[in-house]
Amino acid sequence: MKSDLRNLAAAEEAYFADYLQYTTSTTALDFNQSTQVTINIGAASASGWKATAGHSGVASSDTDVCEIYYGGQTGTTATSEGVVACG
C-alpha cells in the first residue's frame, strides 16, 4: 500500500505539471494500483490532494489504511505532507 501511494504521488505530480491542478481520477493519471489494493483519492484541487490505500486481504478498520496528502489537504493518519502514514 505504501509503494502504491508513493507511485500515486509521482503520477499526481506529473499530472499537475501538465494541467496545473491535481485530480481524483486514477484513470486520468493512467494509474494502476497493485492487486488487492484499493486507492481512493478523496480530494484534489489546484493546491493539493489526499489519498488513502487499503488492502482487501486485511480486515477493514481505520488502523488498516495508509494515507498521504500534499498541499492544502490534510489527512487523518498522515501528519507530514508527502509522507505515507498507516494507522
PDB file of N, CA and C in Angstrom:
ATOM      1  N   MET A   1       0.821  -1.188   0.000  1.00  0.00           N
ATOM      2  CA  MET A   1       0.000   0.000   0.000  1.00  0.00           C
ATOM      3  C   MET A   1       0.868   1.255   0.000  1.00  0.00           C
ATOM      4  N   LYS A   2       1.950   1.218   0.768  1.00  0.00           N
ATOM      5  CA  LYS A   2       2.823   2.394   0.829  1.00  0.00           C
ATOM      6  C   LYS A   2       3.431   2.713  -0.527  1.00  0.00           C
ATOM      7  N   SER A   3       3.932   1.691  -1.207  1.00  0.00           N
ATOM      8  CA  SER A   3       4.546   1.949  -2.512  1.00  0.00           C
ATOM      9  C   SER A   3       3.507   2.419  -3.523  1.00  0.00           C
ATOM     10  N   ASP A   4       2.282   1.916  -3.426  1.00  0.00           N
ATOM     11  CA  ASP A   4       1.224   2.397  -4.316  1.00  0.00           C
ATOM     12  C   ASP A   4       0.966   3.883  -4.095  1.00  0.00           C
ATOM     13  N   LEU A   5       0.947   4.318  -2.851  1.00  0.00           N
ATOM     14  CA  LEU A   5       0.723   5.742  -2.580  1.00  0.00           C
ATOM     15  C   LEU A   5       1.905   6.594  -3.031  1.00  0.00           C
ATOM     16  N   ARG A   6       3.115   6.081  -2.891  1.00  0.00           N
ATOM     17  CA  ARG A   6       4.275   6.827  -3.396  1.00  0.00           C
ATOM     18  C   ARG A   6       4.236   6.926  -4.924  1.00  0.00           C
ATOM     19  N   ASN A   7       3.831   5.849  -5.583  1.00  0.00           N
ATOM     20  CA  ASN A   7       3.688   5.883  -7.043  1.00  0.00           C
ATOM     21  C   ASN A   7       2.566   6.826  -7.462  1.00  0.00           C
ATOM     22  N   LEU A   8       1.494   6.849  -6.689  1.00  0.00           N
ATOM     23  CA  LEU A   8       0.399   7.775  -6.960  1.00  0.00           C
ATOM     24  C   LEU A   8       0.884   9.216  -6.841  1.00  0.00           C
ATOM     25  N   ALA A   9       1.718   9.495  -5.855  1.00  0.00           N
ATOM     26  CA  ALA A   9       2.257  10.846  -5.682  1.00  0.00           C
ATOM     27  C   ALA A   9       3.034  11.279  -6.922  1.00  0.00           C
ATOM     28  N   ALA A  10       3.827  10.382  -7.475  1.00  0.00           N
ATOM     29  CA  ALA A  10       4.583  10.706  -8.693  1.00  0.00           C
ATOM     30  C   ALA A  10       3.636  10.965  -9.862  1.00  0.00           C
ATOM     31  N   ALA A  11       2.580  10.171  -9.967  1.00  0.00           N
ATOM     32  CA  ALA A  11       1.603  10.357 -11.046  1.00  0.00           C
ATOM     33  C   ALA A  11       0.862  11.681 -10.891  1.00  0.00           C
ATOM     34  N   GLU A  12       0.513  12.044  -9.660  1.00  0.00           N
ATOM     35  CA  GLU A  12      -0.163  13.328  -9.414  1.00  0.00           C
ATOM     36  C   GLU A  12       0.750  14.498  -9.786  1.00  0.00           C
ATOM     37  N   GLU A  13       2.023  14.402  -9.469  1.00  0.00           N
ATOM     38  CA  GLU A  13       2.956  15.482  -9.806  1.00  0.00           C
ATOM     39  C   GLU A  13       3.102  15.632 -11.315  1.00  0.00           C
ATOM     40  N   ALA A  14       3.152  14.515 -12.027  1.00  0.00           N
ATOM     41  CA  ALA A  14       3.227  14.570 -13.489  1.00  0.00           C
ATOM     42  C   ALA A  14       1.953  15.185 -14.069  1.00  0.00           C
ATOM     43  N   TYR A  15       0.805  14.831 -13.509  1.00  0.00           N
ATOM     44  CA  TYR A  15      -0.472  15.386 -13.961  1.00  0.00           C
ATOM     45  C   TYR A  15      -0.500  16.894 -13.707  1.00  0.00           C
ATOM     46  N   PHE A  16      -0.032  17.294 -12.530  1.00  0.00           N
ATOM     47  CA  PHE A  16      -0.012  18.715 -12.183  1.00  0.00           C
ATOM     48  C   PHE A  16       0.878  19.498 -13.147  1.00  0.00           C
ATOM     49  N   ALA A  17       1.990  18.926 -13.540  1.00  0.00           N
ATOM     50  CA  ALA A  17       2.903  19.600 -14.473  1.00  0.00           C
ATOM     51  C   ALA A  17       2.220  19.894 -15.807  1.00  0.00           C
ATOM     52  N   ASP A  18       1.301  19.033 -16.204  1.00  0.00           N
ATOM     53  CA  ASP A  18       0.589  19.222 -17.471  1.00  0.00           C
ATOM     54  C   ASP A  18      -0.654  20.099 -17.349  1.00  0.00           C
ATOM     55  N   TYR A  19      -1.382  19.990 -16.223  1.00  0.00           N
ATOM     56  CA  TYR A  19      -2.703  20.619 -16.112  1.00  0.00           C
ATOM     57  C   TYR A  19      -2.826  21.684 -15.017  1.00  0.00           C
ATOM     58  N   LEU A  20      -1.772  21.895 -14.239  1.00  0.00           N
ATOM     59  CA  LEU A  20      -1.757  22.882 -13.152  1.00  0.00           C
ATOM     60  C   LEU A  20      -2.861  22.653 -12.129  1.00  0.00           C
ATOM     61  N   GLN A  21      -3.244  21.419 -11.963  1.00  0.00           N
ATOM     62  CA  GLN A  21      -4.166  21.005 -10.912  1.00  0.00           C
ATOM     63  C   GLN A  21      -3.983  19.513 -10.683  1.00  0.00           C
ATOM     64  N   TYR A  22      -4.460  19.035  -9.547  1.00  0.00           N
ATOM     65  CA  TYR A  22      -4.416  17.612  -9.241  1.00  0.00           C
ATOM     66  C   TYR A  22      -5.770  17.008  -9.592  1.00  0.00           C
ATOM     67  N   THR A  23      -5.879  15.690  -9.582  1.00  0.00           N
ATOM     68  CA  THR A  23      -7.125  15.034  -9.971  1.00  0.00           C
ATOM     69  C   THR A  23      -7.486  13.912  -9.005  1.00  0.00           C
ATOM     70  N   THR A  24      -8.775  13.606  -8.931  1.00  0.00           N
ATOM     71  CA  THR A  24      -9.247  12.467  -8.145  1.00  0.00           C
ATOM     72  C   THR A  24      -9.396  11.217  -9.004  1.00  0.00           C
ATOM     73  N   SER A  25      -9.076  11.312 -10.276  1.00  0.00           N
ATOM     74  CA  SER A  25      -9.285  10.211 -11.218  1.00  0.00           C
ATOM     75  C   SER A  25      -8.006   9.410 -11.461  1.00  0.00           C
ATOM     76  N   THR A  26      -8.010   8.148 -11.045  1.00  0.00           N
ATOM     77  CA  THR A  26      -6.860   7.297 -11.348  1.00  0.00           C
ATOM     78  C   THR A  26      -6.787   7.015 -12.847  1.00  0.00           C
ATOM     79  N   THR A  27      -7.923   7.067 -13.525  1.00  0.00           N
ATOM     80  CA  THR A  27      -7.936   6.886 -14.979  1.00  0.00           C
ATOM     81  C   THR A  27      -7.196   8.028 -15.661  1.00  0.00           C
ATOM     82  N   ALA A  28      -7.469   9.268 -15.231  1.00  0.00           N
ATOM     83  CA  ALA A  28      -6.779  10.430 -15.803  1.00  0.00           C
ATOM     84  C   ALA A  28      -5.278  10.357 -15.543  1.00  0.00           C
ATOM     85  N   LEU A  29      -4.904   9.744 -14.432  1.00  0.00           N
ATOM     86  CA  LEU A  29      -3.490   9.597 -14.084  1.00  0.00           C
ATOM     87  C   LEU A  29      -2.843   8.406 -14.788  1.00  0.00           C
ATOM     88  N   ASP A  30      -3.660   7.573 -15.436  1.00  0.00           N
ATOM     89  CA  ASP A  30      -3.190   6.324 -16.028  1.00  0.00           C
ATOM     90  C   ASP A  30      -2.463   5.500 -14.967  1.00  0.00           C
ATOM     91  N   PHE A  31      -3.097   5.415 -13.794  1.00  0.00           N
ATOM     92  CA  PHE A  31      -2.501   4.781 -12.626  1.00  0.00           C
ATOM     93  C   PHE A  31      -3.182   3.450 -12.348  1.00  0.00           C
ATOM     94  N   ASN A  32      -2.399   2.423 -12.136  1.00  0.00           N
ATOM     95  CA  ASN A  32      -2.910   1.099 -11.775  1.00  0.00           C
ATOM     96  C   ASN A  32      -2.272   0.667 -10.466  1.00  0.00           C
ATOM     97  N   GLN A  33      -3.096   0.441  -9.473  1.00  0.00           N
ATOM     98  CA  GLN A  33      -2.586   0.009  -8.179  1.00  0.00           C
ATOM     99  C   GLN A  33      -2.307  -1.490  -8.187  1.00  0.00           C
ATOM    100  N   SER A  34      -1.615  -1.951  -7.161  1.00  0.00           N
ATOM    101  CA  SER A  34      -1.291  -3.366  -7.013  1.00  0.00           C
ATOM    102  C   SER A  34      -2.563  -4.188  -6.826  1.00  0.00           C
ATOM    103  N   THR A  35      -2.455  -5.476  -7.116  1.00  0.00           N
ATOM    104  CA  THR A  35      -3.567  -6.394  -6.912  1.00  0.00           C
ATOM    105  C   THR A  35      -4.004  -6.357  -5.455  1.00  0.00           C
ATOM    106  N   GLN A  36      -5.297  -6.317  -5.221  1.00  0.00           N
ATOM    107  CA  GLN A  36      -5.946  -6.305  -3.911  1.00  0.00           C
ATOM    108  C   GLN A  36      -5.794  -4.981  -3.164  1.00  0.00           C
ATOM    109  N   VAL A  37      -5.166  -3.985  -3.771  1.00  0.00           N
ATOM    110  CA  VAL A  37      -5.053  -2.669  -3.144  1.00  0.00           C
ATOM    111  C   VAL A  37      -6.101  -1.752  -3.750  1.00  0.00           C
ATOM    112  N   THR A  38      -6.802  -1.033  -2.893  1.00  0.00           N
ATOM    113  CA  THR A  38      -7.796  -0.064  -3.329  1.00  0.00           C
ATOM    114  C   THR A  38      -7.280   1.327  -3.007  1.00  0.00           C
ATOM    115  N   ILE A  39      -7.231   2.185  -4.010  1.00  0.00           N
ATOM    116  CA  ILE A  39      -6.802   3.573  -3.838  1.00  0.00           C
ATOM    117  C   ILE A  39      -8.025   4.469  -3.922  1.00  0.00           C
ATOM    118  N   ASN A  40      -8.142   5.398  -2.995  1.00  0.00           N
ATOM    119  CA  ASN A  40      -9.214   6.386  -3.020  1.00  0.00           C
ATOM    120  C   ASN A  40      -8.588   7.773  -2.923  1.00  0.00           C
ATOM    121  N   ILE A  41      -8.689   8.539  -3.995  1.00  0.00           N
ATOM    122  CA  ILE A  41      -8.232   9.931  -3.963  1.00  0.00           C
ATOM    123  C   ILE A  41      -9.433  10.741  -3.497  1.00  0.00           C
ATOM    124  N   GLY A  42      -9.439  11.073  -2.217  1.00  0.00           N
ATOM    125  CA  GLY A  42     -10.609  11.677  -1.590  1.00  0.00           C
ATOM    126  C   GLY A  42     -10.824  13.131  -1.916  1.00  0.00           C
ATOM    127  N   ALA A  43      -9.780  13.837  -2.279  1.00  0.00           N
ATOM    128  CA  ALA A  43      -9.898  15.260  -2.592  1.00  0.00           C
ATOM    129  C   ALA A  43      -8.728  15.662  -3.467  1.00  0.00           C
ATOM    130  N   ALA A  44      -8.987  16.602  -4.367  1.00  0.00           N
ATOM    131  CA  ALA A  44      -7.923  17.138  -5.220  1.00  0.00           C
ATOM    132  C   ALA A  44      -8.340  18.512  -5.712  1.00  0.00           C
ATOM    133  N   SER A  45      -7.373  19.400  -5.804  1.00  0.00           N
ATOM    134  CA  SER A  45      -7.627  20.765  -6.278  1.00  0.00           C
ATOM    135  C   SER A  45      -6.324  21.290  -6.875  1.00  0.00           C
ATOM    136  N   ALA A  46      -6.279  22.564  -7.155  1.00  0.00           N
ATOM    137  CA  ALA A  46      -5.045  23.167  -7.659  1.00  0.00           C
ATOM    138  C   ALA A  46      -4.001  23.295  -6.555  1.00  0.00           C
ATOM    139  N   SER A  47      -4.435  23.202  -5.295  1.00  0.00           N
ATOM    140  CA  SER A  47      -3.494  23.404  -4.193  1.00  0.00           C
ATOM    141  C   SER A  47      -3.032  22.121  -3.512  1.00  0.00           C
ATOM    142  N   GLY A  48      -3.642  20.982  -3.834  1.00  0.00           N
ATOM    143  CA  GLY A  48      -3.201  19.752  -3.196  1.00  0.00           C
ATOM    144  C   GLY A  48      -4.147  18.593  -3.415  1.00  0.00           C
ATOM    145  N   TRP A  49      -3.814  17.470  -2.790  1.00  0.00           N
ATOM    146  CA  TRP A  49      -4.637  16.269  -2.905  1.00  0.00           C
ATOM    147  C   TRP A  49      -4.412  15.375  -1.701  1.00  0.00           C
ATOM    148  N   LYS A  50      -5.320  14.417  -1.541  1.00  0.00           N
ATOM    149  CA  LYS A  50      -5.275  13.487  -0.417  1.00  0.00           C
ATOM    150  C   LYS A  50      -5.740  12.124  -0.913  1.00  0.00           C
ATOM    151  N   ALA A  51      -5.086  11.055  -0.476  1.00  0.00           N
ATOM    152  CA  ALA A  51      -5.488   9.717  -0.900  1.00  0.00           C
ATOM    153  C   ALA A  51      -5.273   8.703   0.217  1.00  0.00           C
ATOM    154  N   THR A  52      -6.073   7.649   0.158  1.00  0.00           N
ATOM    155  CA  THR A  52      -5.935   6.536   1.085  1.00  0.00           C
ATOM    156  C   THR A  52      -5.752   5.251   0.291  1.00  0.00           C
ATOM    157  N   ALA A  53      -5.158   4.267   0.933  1.00  0.00           N
ATOM    158  CA  ALA A  53      -4.988   2.946   0.327  1.00  0.00           C
ATOM    159  C   ALA A  53      -5.384   1.894   1.349  1.00  0.00           C
ATOM    160  N   GLY A  54      -6.113   0.904   0.882  1.00  0.00           N
ATOM    161  CA  GLY A  54      -6.490  -0.229   1.708  1.00  0.00           C
ATOM    162  C   GLY A  54      -6.164  -1.510   0.955  1.00  0.00           C
ATOM    163  N   HIS A  55      -6.157  -2.614   1.672  1.00  0.00           N
ATOM    164  CA  HIS A  55      -5.837  -3.909   1.062  1.00  0.00           C
ATOM    165  C   HIS A  55      -6.957  -4.883   1.388  1.00  0.00           C
ATOM    166  N   SER A  56      -7.465  -5.565   0.369  1.00  0.00           N
ATOM    167  CA  SER A  56      -8.594  -6.474   0.574  1.00  0.00           C
ATOM    168  C   SER A  56      -8.228  -7.681   1.433  1.00  0.00           C
ATOM    169  N   GLY A  57      -6.957  -7.961   1.591  1.00  0.00           N
ATOM    170  CA  GLY A  57      -6.525  -9.074   2.420  1.00  0.00           C
ATOM    171  C   GLY A  57      -6.378  -8.725   3.889  1.00  0.00           C
ATOM    172  N   VAL A  58      -6.701  -7.478   4.241  1.00  0.00           N
ATOM    173  CA  VAL A  58      -6.572  -7.000   5.616  1.00  0.00           C
ATOM    174  C   VAL A  58      -7.953  -6.597   6.104  1.00  0.00           C
ATOM    175  N   ALA A  59      -8.268  -6.899   7.345  1.00  0.00           N
ATOM    176  CA  ALA A  59      -9.573  -6.533   7.908  1.00  0.00           C
ATOM    177  C   ALA A  59      -9.791  -5.033   7.810  1.00  0.00           C
ATOM    178  N   SER A  60     -11.018  -4.635   7.515  1.00  0.00           N
ATOM    179  CA  SER A  60     -11.331  -3.210   7.353  1.00  0.00           C
ATOM    180  C   SER A  60     -11.465  -2.518   8.700  1.00  0.00           C
ATOM    181  N   SER A  61     -10.664  -1.518   8.890  1.00  0.00           N
ATOM    182  CA  SER A  61     -10.770  -0.606  10.028  1.00  0.00           C
ATOM    183  C   SER A  61      -9.852   0.563   9.736  1.00  0.00           C
ATOM    184  N   ASP A  62     -10.002   1.631  10.490  1.00  0.00           N
ATOM    185  CA  ASP A  62      -9.170   2.807  10.269  1.00  0.00           C
ATOM    186  C   ASP A  62      -7.690   2.512  10.467  1.00  0.00           C
ATOM    187  N   THR A  63      -7.367   1.491  11.253  1.00  0.00           N
ATOM    188  CA  THR A  63      -5.962   1.189  11.527  1.00  0.00           C
ATOM    189  C   THR A  63      -5.308   0.410  10.398  1.00  0.00           C
ATOM    190  N   ASP A  64      -6.106  -0.037   9.426  1.00  0.00           N
ATOM    191  CA  ASP A  64      -5.568  -0.822   8.322  1.00  0.00           C
ATOM    192  C   ASP A  64      -5.545  -0.037   7.020  1.00  0.00           C
ATOM    193  N   VAL A  65      -5.471   1.275   7.129  1.00  0.00           N
ATOM    194  CA  VAL A  65      -5.475   2.164   5.971  1.00  0.00           C
ATOM    195  C   VAL A  65      -4.213   3.013   6.005  1.00  0.00           C
ATOM    196  N   CYS A  66      -3.622   3.237   4.842  1.00  0.00           N
ATOM    197  CA  CYS A  66      -2.493   4.157   4.725  1.00  0.00           C
ATOM    198  C   CYS A  66      -2.975   5.410   4.005  1.00  0.00           C
ATOM    199  N   GLU A  67      -2.331   6.520   4.287  1.00  0.00           N
ATOM    200  CA  GLU A  67      -2.781   7.796   3.732  1.00  0.00           C
ATOM    201  C   GLU A  67      -1.592   8.689   3.413  1.00  0.00           C
ATOM    202  N   ILE A  68      -1.802   9.579   2.439  1.00  0.00           N
ATOM    203  CA  ILE A  68      -0.804  10.575   2.063  1.00  0.00           C
ATOM    204  C   ILE A  68      -1.541  11.841   1.654  1.00  0.00           C
ATOM    205  N   TYR A  69      -0.917  12.987   1.853  1.00  0.00           N
ATOM    206  CA  TYR A  69      -1.507  14.231   1.365  1.00  0.00           C
ATOM    207  C   TYR A  69      -0.419  15.191   0.923  1.00  0.00           C
ATOM    208  N   TYR A  70      -0.810  16.125   0.058  1.00  0.00           N
ATOM    209  CA  TYR A  70       0.059  17.199  -0.422  1.00  0.00           C
ATOM    210  C   TYR A  70      -0.724  18.495  -0.419  1.00  0.00           C
ATOM    211  N   GLY A  71      -0.050  19.578  -0.171  1.00  0.00           N
ATOM    212  CA  GLY A  71      -0.670  20.895  -0.294  1.00  0.00           C
ATOM    213  C   GLY A  71      -1.738  21.153   0.737  1.00  0.00           C
ATOM    214  N   GLY A  72      -2.842  21.726   0.286  1.00  0.00           N
ATOM    215  CA  GLY A  72      -3.898  22.177   1.183  1.00  0.00           C
ATOM    216  C   GLY A  72      -4.750  21.089   1.787  1.00  0.00           C
ATOM    217  N   GLN A  73      -4.512  19.846   1.456  1.00  0.00           N
ATOM    218  CA  GLN A  73      -5.310  18.750   2.006  1.00  0.00           C
ATOM    219  C   GLN A  73      -4.607  18.188   3.238  1.00  0.00           C
ATOM    220  N   THR A  74      -5.376  17.780   4.209  1.00  0.00           N
ATOM    221  CA  THR A  74      -4.788  17.140   5.381  1.00  0.00           C
ATOM    222  C   THR A  74      -5.362  15.744   5.529  1.00  0.00           C
ATOM    223  N   GLY A  75      -4.609  14.888   6.158  1.00  0.00           N
ATOM    224  CA  GLY A  75      -5.040  13.513   6.333  1.00  0.00           C
ATOM    225  C   GLY A  75      -5.393  13.203   7.771  1.00  0.00           C
ATOM    226  N   THR A  76      -6.012  12.074   7.983  1.00  0.00           N
ATOM    227  CA  THR A  76      -6.362  11.668   9.335  1.00  0.00           C
ATOM    228  C   THR A  76      -5.219  10.931  10.020  1.00  0.00           C
ATOM    229  N   THR A  77      -4.436  10.170   9.257  1.00  0.00           N
ATOM    230  CA  THR A  77      -3.294   9.478   9.857  1.00  0.00           C
ATOM    231  C   THR A  77      -1.971  10.096   9.426  1.00  0.00           C
ATOM    232  N   ALA A  78      -1.947  10.709   8.247  1.00  0.00           N
ATOM    233  CA  ALA A  78      -0.724  11.352   7.762  1.00  0.00           C
ATOM    234  C   ALA A  78      -0.566  12.705   8.443  1.00  0.00           C
ATOM    235  N   THR A  79       0.545  12.899   9.104  1.00  0.00           N
ATOM    236  CA  THR A  79       0.768  14.155   9.818  1.00  0.00           C
ATOM    237  C   THR A  79       1.809  15.036   9.145  1.00  0.00           C
ATOM    238  N   SER A  80       2.523  14.487   8.169  1.00  0.00           N
ATOM    239  CA  SER A  80       3.521  15.257   7.434  1.00  0.00           C
ATOM    240  C   SER A  80       3.218  15.182   5.946  1.00  0.00           C
ATOM    241  N   GLU A  81       3.225  16.320   5.304  1.00  0.00           N
ATOM    242  CA  GLU A  81       2.940  16.393   3.878  1.00  0.00           C
ATOM    243  C   GLU A  81       3.898  15.515   3.078  1.00  0.00           C
ATOM    244  N   GLY A  82       3.318  14.692   2.180  1.00  0.00           N
ATOM    245  CA  GLY A  82       4.120  13.859   1.298  1.00  0.00           C
ATOM    246  C   GLY A  82       4.676  12.593   1.916  1.00  0.00           C
ATOM    247  N   VAL A  83       4.340  12.329   3.172  1.00  0.00           N
ATOM    248  CA  VAL A  83       4.837  11.144   3.860  1.00  0.00           C
ATOM    249  C   VAL A  83       3.679  10.171   4.077  1.00  0.00           C
ATOM    250  N   VAL A  84       3.838   8.943   3.614  1.00  0.00           N
ATOM    251  CA  VAL A  84       2.801   7.929   3.795  1.00  0.00           C
ATOM    252  C   VAL A  84       2.748   7.533   5.263  1.00  0.00           C
ATOM    253  N   ALA A  85       1.537   7.503   5.812  1.00  0.00           N
ATOM    254  CA  ALA A  85       1.338   7.072   7.197  1.00  0.00           C
ATOM    255  C   ALA A  85       0.246   6.016   7.224  1.00  0.00           C
ATOM    256  N   CYS A  86       0.458   4.992   8.022  1.00  0.00           N
ATOM    257  CA  CYS A  86      -0.534   3.932   8.170  1.00  0.00           C
ATOM    258  C   CYS A  86      -0.985   3.889   9.623  1.00  0.00           C
ATOM    259  N   GLY A  87      -2.288   3.703   9.791  1.00  0.00           N
ATOM    260  CA  GLY A  87      -2.868   3.736  11.131  1.00  0.00           C
ATOM    261  C   GLY A  87      -2.722   2.476  11.897  1.00  0.00           C
TER     262      GLY A  87
END
